[in-house]
Amino acid sequence: MAFSRRSLLVTAGTALISSAAGGLAHAQSTGTDPRMTPRELGNPNAKIVVEEWFSLTCIHCAHFAENTFPLVKKNLIDTGKIRYVFHDFPTDQLATVAAMVARTLPPERYEAFAVSLLSSLDRWAYNQSAPPLESLKKMAAFAGMPGDTFDKTVADQQLMQFILTQQTDAQDKYHFDSTPTFRFNNKVQVSNDMDYETFAKHVTEAS
């Protein structure tokens, strides 16, 4: 999915967040705030590191999460062959808010919640019968997030700015503008959904 210009995303995201809750919640400094720490799975000492930049409203990211990632997790992450690092790369304001919510959950719940959002885009992000923020709030509640925590989270501009800054830094450094994008050991970069066989091939190439 193509990435909107950051300036437009910040403006739109601010408008959406302002309408979601009154006032602003102030995050802690990035040095102590667990919401701003890396989200990763696997062996921290693995020789191969795979990074994924994804958007929580991206249908291509959803296809990868549903069809390829389970095999990646089973065959490569759980076996200790790779360390897998998740990077938020929201392609619209709703994806930005969803990333904020995912990062506010305990780190051990991040991957499961992100996958659940991607596997149910039609029930929250693209549900025409209910406001997306209302649907997202229900998804967060199922993951254990109290309603008042959700309201404070979506109003937190510092957390939003952290995510958008990380996104811009990645775009400037690696020159990509679509999701999902993968980097294998900083050797191979692919901006495309892929099946497991193709993914495993890139892992081998990067080793």
Protein backbone atom coordinates (compact mmCIF):
# COMPACT_ATOMS: atom_id res chain seq x y z
CA MET A 1 0.00 0.00 0.00
CA ALA A 2 1.36 3.42 -0.94
CA PHE A 3 2.45 5.85 1.75
CA SER A 4 0.87 9.31 2.03
CA ARG A 5 3.04 12.36 2.45
CA ARG A 6 4.03 12.73 6.08
CA SER A 7 2.85 16.33 6.31
CA LEU A 8 -0.64 15.30 5.25
CA LEU A 9 -0.59 12.32 7.57
CA VAL A 10 0.36 14.43 10.57
CA THR A 11 -2.42 16.93 9.85
CA ALA A 12 -5.04 14.26 9.28
CA GLY A 13 -3.88 12.21 12.23
CA THR A 14 -4.04 15.21 14.53
CA ALA A 15 -7.58 15.95 13.39
CA LEU A 16 -8.71 12.38 13.99
CA ILE A 17 -7.07 12.18 17.39
CA SER A 18 -8.46 15.52 18.50
CA SER A 19 -11.96 14.33 17.71
CA ALA A 20 -11.42 11.06 19.55
CA ALA A 21 -10.82 12.48 23.02
CA GLY A 22 -10.53 15.81 24.73
CA GLY A 23 -7.17 16.98 26.01
CA LEU A 24 -3.77 15.39 25.54
CA ALA A 25 -2.07 12.64 27.46
CA HIS A 26 1.60 13.23 28.07
CA ALA A 27 3.93 10.29 27.46
CA GLN A 28 7.05 9.67 29.43
CA SER A 29 10.43 10.32 27.89
CA THR A 30 11.47 7.88 25.17
CA GLY A 31 14.22 6.63 27.43
CA THR A 32 11.78 5.11 29.91
CA ASP A 33 8.55 4.72 27.98
CA PRO A 34 8.07 1.03 27.08
CA ARG A 35 5.72 2.02 24.26
CA MET A 36 8.67 3.41 22.37
CA THR A 37 10.95 0.40 22.68
CA PRO A 38 11.55 -2.12 19.84
CA ARG A 39 8.95 -4.76 19.10
CA GLU A 40 10.63 -8.01 18.07
CA LEU A 41 10.44 -11.78 18.28
CA GLY A 42 12.96 -14.60 18.21
CA ASN A 43 16.50 -15.26 19.26
CA PRO A 44 18.19 -11.96 20.18
CA ASN A 45 21.51 -13.49 19.13
CA ALA A 46 20.33 -14.85 15.79
CA LYS A 47 22.75 -14.28 12.93
CA ILE A 48 19.93 -13.19 10.63
CA VAL A 49 17.72 -10.19 11.42
CA VAL A 50 14.59 -9.60 9.39
CA GLU A 51 12.81 -6.26 9.68
CA GLU A 52 9.29 -5.54 8.47
CA TRP A 53 7.73 -2.12 7.96
CA PHE A 54 3.96 -2.46 7.84
CA SER A 55 0.71 -0.54 8.13
CA LEU A 56 -2.19 -1.83 10.20
CA THR A 57 -4.71 -0.87 7.50
CA CYS A 58 -2.74 -2.29 4.57
CA ILE A 59 -4.43 -5.17 2.72
CA HIS A 60 -1.07 -6.41 1.40
CA CYS A 61 0.33 -6.47 4.94
CA ALA A 62 -2.81 -8.33 6.00
CA HIS A 63 -2.28 -10.96 3.30
CA PHE A 64 1.30 -11.50 4.45
CA ALA A 65 0.26 -11.65 8.11
CA GLU A 66 -2.45 -14.22 7.45
CA ASN A 67 -0.74 -16.43 4.86
CA THR A 68 3.03 -16.16 5.25
CA PHE A 69 3.87 -14.94 8.73
CA PRO A 70 2.53 -18.04 10.56
CA LEU A 71 5.05 -20.17 8.66
CA VAL A 72 7.81 -17.62 9.23
CA LYS A 73 7.09 -17.73 12.95
CA LYS A 74 6.90 -21.52 13.11
CA ASN A 75 9.90 -22.35 10.92
CA LEU A 76 12.27 -19.43 11.39
CA ILE A 77 11.41 -17.39 14.50
CA ASP A 78 10.43 -20.09 16.98
CA THR A 79 13.38 -22.23 15.91
CA GLY A 80 15.83 -19.41 16.68
CA LYS A 81 17.03 -18.99 13.10
CA ILE A 82 16.04 -15.33 12.79
CA ARG A 83 15.25 -12.31 14.92
CA TYR A 84 12.17 -10.56 13.59
CA VAL A 85 11.72 -6.82 14.14
CA PHE A 86 8.41 -5.01 13.60
CA HIS A 87 8.36 -1.37 12.46
CA ASP A 88 5.24 0.76 12.28
CA PHE A 89 4.82 2.45 8.90
CA PRO A 90 1.23 3.79 8.91
CA THR A 91 -0.20 4.66 5.50
CA ASP A 92 -3.14 6.65 6.84
CA GLN A 93 -4.36 8.30 10.04
CA LEU A 94 -6.34 5.27 11.21
CA ALA A 95 -3.25 3.08 10.91
CA THR A 96 -1.34 5.64 12.98
CA VAL A 97 -3.90 5.46 15.78
CA ALA A 98 -3.97 1.65 15.59
CA ALA A 99 -0.18 1.56 15.92
CA MET A 100 -0.42 3.81 18.98
CA VAL A 101 -2.91 1.44 20.56
CA ALA A 102 -0.81 -1.63 19.72
CA ARG A 103 2.27 -0.07 21.28
CA THR A 104 0.39 0.83 24.46
CA LEU A 105 -0.47 -2.79 25.14
CA PRO A 106 2.21 -4.80 27.00
CA PRO A 107 5.06 -5.60 24.57
CA GLU A 108 4.32 -9.33 24.73
CA ARG A 109 0.83 -8.64 23.33
CA TYR A 110 1.97 -6.44 20.45
CA GLU A 111 2.43 -9.12 17.80
CA ALA A 112 -0.82 -10.94 18.57
CA PHE A 113 -2.83 -7.72 18.58
CA ALA A 114 -1.28 -6.47 15.34
CA VAL A 115 -1.99 -9.78 13.63
CA SER A 116 -5.57 -9.74 14.93
CA LEU A 117 -6.10 -6.26 13.49
CA LEU A 118 -4.64 -7.24 10.13
CA SER A 119 -6.74 -10.38 9.96
CA SER A 120 -9.97 -8.48 10.62
CA LEU A 121 -9.67 -5.30 8.56
CA ASP A 122 -13.21 -5.74 7.29
CA ARG A 123 -14.56 -5.69 10.85
CA TRP A 124 -12.92 -2.48 12.02
CA ALA A 125 -10.90 -0.51 9.43
CA TYR A 126 -13.25 -1.00 6.48
CA ASN A 127 -16.53 -1.61 8.30
CA GLN A 128 -19.09 0.74 6.77
CA SER A 129 -21.64 0.16 9.52
CA ALA A 130 -19.61 1.48 12.46
CA PRO A 131 -17.07 4.28 13.07
CA PRO A 132 -13.55 2.79 12.79
CA LEU A 133 -12.36 4.26 16.09
CA GLU A 134 -15.32 2.72 17.88
CA SER A 135 -14.54 -0.65 16.33
CA LEU A 136 -10.84 -0.28 17.17
CA LYS A 137 -11.75 0.52 20.77
CA LYS A 138 -13.72 -2.74 20.97
CA MET A 139 -10.75 -4.66 19.54
CA ALA A 140 -8.49 -3.06 22.13
CA ALA A 141 -10.92 -4.00 24.91
CA PHE A 142 -10.78 -7.63 23.81
CA ALA A 143 -6.98 -7.38 24.12
CA GLY A 144 -7.33 -6.12 27.70
CA MET A 145 -7.13 -2.34 27.28
CA PRO A 146 -9.53 -0.35 29.50
CA GLY A 147 -11.63 2.28 27.76
CA ASP A 148 -10.04 5.21 29.58
CA THR A 149 -6.57 3.97 28.59
CA PHE A 150 -7.69 3.81 24.96
CA ASP A 151 -9.01 7.38 25.10
CA LYS A 152 -5.75 8.67 26.59
CA THR A 153 -3.70 6.70 24.07
CA VAL A 154 -5.41 8.04 20.95
CA ALA A 155 -5.03 11.57 22.33
CA ASP A 156 -1.29 11.22 22.94
CA GLN A 157 0.48 13.40 20.41
CA GLN A 158 3.93 12.54 21.72
CA LEU A 159 3.38 8.86 20.97
CA MET A 160 1.93 9.73 17.56
CA GLN A 161 4.94 11.91 16.78
CA PHE A 162 7.32 9.12 17.79
CA ILE A 163 5.69 6.72 15.33
CA LEU A 164 5.64 9.26 12.50
CA THR A 165 9.25 10.27 13.11
CA GLN A 166 10.37 6.63 13.02
CA GLN A 167 8.45 6.24 9.77
CA THR A 168 10.01 9.30 8.17
CA ASP A 169 13.51 8.27 9.27
CA ALA A 170 13.03 4.84 7.67
CA GLN A 171 11.74 6.34 4.45
CA ASP A 172 14.63 8.78 4.25
CA LYS A 173 17.23 6.12 5.07
CA TYR A 174 15.97 3.24 2.94
CA HIS A 175 14.03 5.11 0.24
CA PHE A 176 10.84 3.10 0.21
CA ASP A 177 7.26 4.32 0.22
CA SER A 178 5.05 1.25 0.35
CA THR A 179 4.08 -1.54 2.70
CA PRO A 180 5.01 -4.16 3.52
CA THR A 181 8.75 -3.62 3.11
CA PHE A 182 11.32 -6.11 4.42
CA ARG A 183 15.04 -5.91 5.01
CA PHE A 184 17.05 -9.10 5.48
CA ASN A 185 20.27 -8.57 7.45
CA ASN A 186 20.56 -5.10 5.88
CA LYS A 187 21.55 -6.86 2.64
CA VAL A 188 18.31 -7.53 0.81
CA GLN A 189 15.35 -5.15 0.67
CA VAL A 190 11.96 -6.13 -0.72
CA SER A 191 8.85 -3.93 -0.89
CA ASN A 192 6.17 -6.50 -1.61
CA ASP A 193 3.96 -9.17 -0.11
CA MET A 194 5.47 -12.62 -0.64
CA ASP A 195 4.83 -16.30 -0.03
CA TYR A 196 6.86 -18.33 2.45
CA GLU A 197 9.13 -19.91 -0.15
CA THR A 198 10.17 -16.47 -1.43
CA PHE A 199 10.67 -15.19 2.10
CA ALA A 200 12.84 -18.17 3.04
CA LYS A 201 14.88 -17.68 -0.13
CA HIS A 202 15.68 -14.09 0.86
CA VAL A 203 16.69 -15.30 4.33
CA THR A 204 19.16 -17.69 2.72
CA GLU A 205 20.48 -14.96 0.41
CA ALA A 206 21.10 -12.69 3.40
CA SER A 207 22.91 -15.27 5.50
